[in-house]
Amino acid sequence: MGDLAREYSVWNMIVHGRARVPMADHDAPPTISDKENHSYYDEKINSKEGDAMLGHPDLENQERGGSLNGSTKRRDRILSVFFGLIIGTMVYLVQYPSTLSMFFTSPSPYGCVHLPKTVSVASLVDETWKGFSDEVSGVASNESIEVIEVGYPFVPPKWYGSPVYESLLLNHTFGNSWGNPAETKFVPPSNVSFDKVVLTLRTTSSGVQYDRLANLFVNGVEIWRTSTAEPGGRSIVSLATKDVSVYTELFRNPASILFDLPNILTGRLTGSFHVQLSIQLYDSHGEADESDPEIQSKASIFSTHKPASRVHAILPSRPHKPSVVYLPSDKIRVQLPTVPQNTTRLRLSILTSGNAAEEFWYANVLDKYAHRFDEQGNTLQGHGPTRFVNVNFNGEKIATQTPDPIVFTGGISPALWSRVVATRAFDLPTIDLDVTGLLPLLWEHQAVTDRILEIEISNGIDESNRPFLPEHSQIGENWITSANLLSWENSEVVESSGDIVNIDDKARATVVSLAPPFSGTIQQVITSILNTEVTSNLTFVLENDQEIKTTVTALTKGEIANVQHYSHFGSVQSVVHVGHSSKNVTIATENDELYKLDTSYSYPLVLNSAEKNHSVVPGDVNIEYDVKLELVRVVDVTSPRMHLEVSSAQNGSSKYFLSNQGNHGTGSLTTKYKMKIDGDRKYKRKVDVVNGTVVADEEKYEKPSSDIPKDQKKKKHNRKEPHKEHKQHKSRKEFKKGKHQGHKSHKKVHDSRAFLNRVAGHSVEHQLSLFSDSARERVFSIFDKIKVN
């Protein structure tokens, strides 16, 4: 994916040939032909320059695996050392279980298949994939296919009412659009009051094309990052809606609109993207507030339930160009602006996504293993599988979070995402951080001279500075990043003062790895946890001479546990990735808690991939790939007024074949979305897709009030008999009761669970209940391969 959408999934290398690496210079479009580019890339792939382009570190001087000419005794000694180290490390983990106590306390959207084949193999077959055959998908090739994202359906919510104004902002076709974003102007309607803004994006395409990243900017401020679906030889249409009301202030005056969708057309990449972007303005008058009046009178000055008063783009605006940087080669180190003294809240909003060699960072290996299987044609990506977004102010770390592992429609296998894309692919999430505690250094009347903000992506291991960890390896290139500073002002505030009491951060990491010589295997367990805390005292004087003295505390935490197992010299891969981010913001006086918000994001995934029946001889190519994945995203938001729980789970499997007789594949995907507000308002949707056909779509909405028409309480769409290859999973209740069938070894599951509990120090049953039975079995199977009894 990325600006050239050159991801490293096996499927896209099969259907389009091995990916060209995106250039960090966004302004320079490629100008060479397909044939020239293919020859160029073949040359680069075998050179050191090619390794640098791919993000592969130069390991020429690093220790590699043992020699095949070594004696048996030497091999035994080496194996003894390896196993001694792994056992010693695991004993340490058992003695200090807190280092892994977070292992199954969170989830994360998942990773991608890491089986890059040599260019020589890909070049033996036709590189153009023309989608599902009519016989397999059951959809006529001339029909327009709708590609959806299963997610929050109530945008805009009903209480917004009817729009007071709507207009088409952009109607543009992106063909050869690399370095040529579309631009337009928005002029707000006169004599129309509005406080909410909603955008709708309709995208159509046909032919063959990669997925592409797209960015929307208003006055240089990025407010929406999205991606396209892959047409796969079909005509497709997708619709996405986003509430951007927090940025309403940008639309109150004439504004410049820039939509960047870098696309390339060639002899085999024929798909253009036609985009229609529309805007709807609403005058909602806000929601009623039922909080305690006495506390609310104080708390109201800290409210962010309204559009931001000011929006500052962290990066300088570039005429006719998107305002993004490519970390880590570029840097974000800027002087923050000062803010008026009646500013009461600050939020830093970061948009970042890994691309090229960093798109599937959560399936990367340690640097020392990146070239372990080069001779077998399986080159892995390095820099390890943990990533953190860190924010520093004047040299001190003030916030940290783990990024969402986003899977684009070209990731893993396009056969999986033919009708339903991976969660958040149409609306990449922002990392929103409360930085209200910095106000004492930014208020105009007492601002400090140096107000340096830095944003970086780290691997979490380099920061721990603990002995026995790998040498610093940093991260790969192409984290496309932008950021905005949003501020809220209150007209009642006439004076403000304060100071920062404490800034603190902690980091710890654990790395356990094993790659015995001659075994063709790699096993690694990596955990990393970063914490930050900022505490400030803020005092506000209101127009009525009331003085409000508060203490503002912001806590952030990012934690990742990643287990990987490779066998058959990299042809078989298993990944368990668990990422978790949490944020806690509290604003309190001596007697009252005026504001409190706890937010938790969890992303677990299980991914198995295997190459089978590998046969490559002149005139005959036959390679089969088998992929199984399960990914979950869970969001939990708690405040004194509300409790929100949202979960999205996707379970898929795919088989695909690389053959000179024609590339083809199959895929099935089940997507479940659940939302619960205060325990009694619930929304659920489940969509099953098999080989490009929606075989089931069920939707249910529950509300405690009795005024919901019966026909709205439960809706079912496109109900069909499931495809006979589509496996139905047992319920969570059946699993807990032990009624599930088909597990070959209950003892293995029991032993694996005991191992996890012993290492993690607590039960993992709750988190594993998020997975299906088959995914749980794969989790235990992976741990069986690495556990020490």
Foldseek 3Di string as FASTA:
>chain_A
DEQALQAQFPALCQQANHGDQDDQPLQDDDDDAPVVVLVVLLVLCPDPNVCQSQQFDPCVPPDFADDPPDDPVVLVVQVVVQVVQQVVQLVVLLVVLQLCLCVLVFAFFAFFDQFHFRRVQSVQAHNHFQAFDCVFQVDDQADAAEAEADFDDQVPPCLLPAFPDKDWFDWDKAEQCRNFWDKGKAADDPPDDFQWKKKKKKKKKAAFFRKWWKFKDKQQRTQFIAIDATRSHGIYMYMDMDIRSLAVVSRPHMIMMTMGTRGYDHPRHHMMMTMIMMMTTTHNVDDDDDDDVVLCVVLVLQDSSGHFPDKAWQFDHDPSDHRKGKPPVDWRKGFDAFDAQQWQWKKKKKDKAADRSCLRLQQADASNCQCNLVVVRRGGNHPHRAKKKWKDWPRATAAIAGAHNAAECPGRHVQARLHYTPPCNGTGGIDMFIPSLCNQQRHPVRHDPGTIMTIHMFRLQQPQPDPPGDDGDTDGIGTIMIMMMTIHGDPFFDHKHKDKDDKDKHKDKRKRWGDRHPFLKIKIKIKMKMKIKTKMWMWTQGPVRDIFIKIKMKIKMKMKIKIWMAGPNRQKIKIWIKIKIKMWIWIDGPPGTSWIKIKMKIKIKIKIKHKPPADDDVPWGKIKMKIWMKMKIWMWMDIPVKTKIKMKIKTKIKMWININVHTDIWMKMKIKIWMDMPNFWIKIWIWIRTSSRTQWIWIATGHPDPPDDPPRGIDIPNHHDDDPVDDDFDALVCVVVVNDDDDPDPVLLVVLQVQSCSSNVHGSSVSCSVDTPVRSSSVSVSSVVSGDD
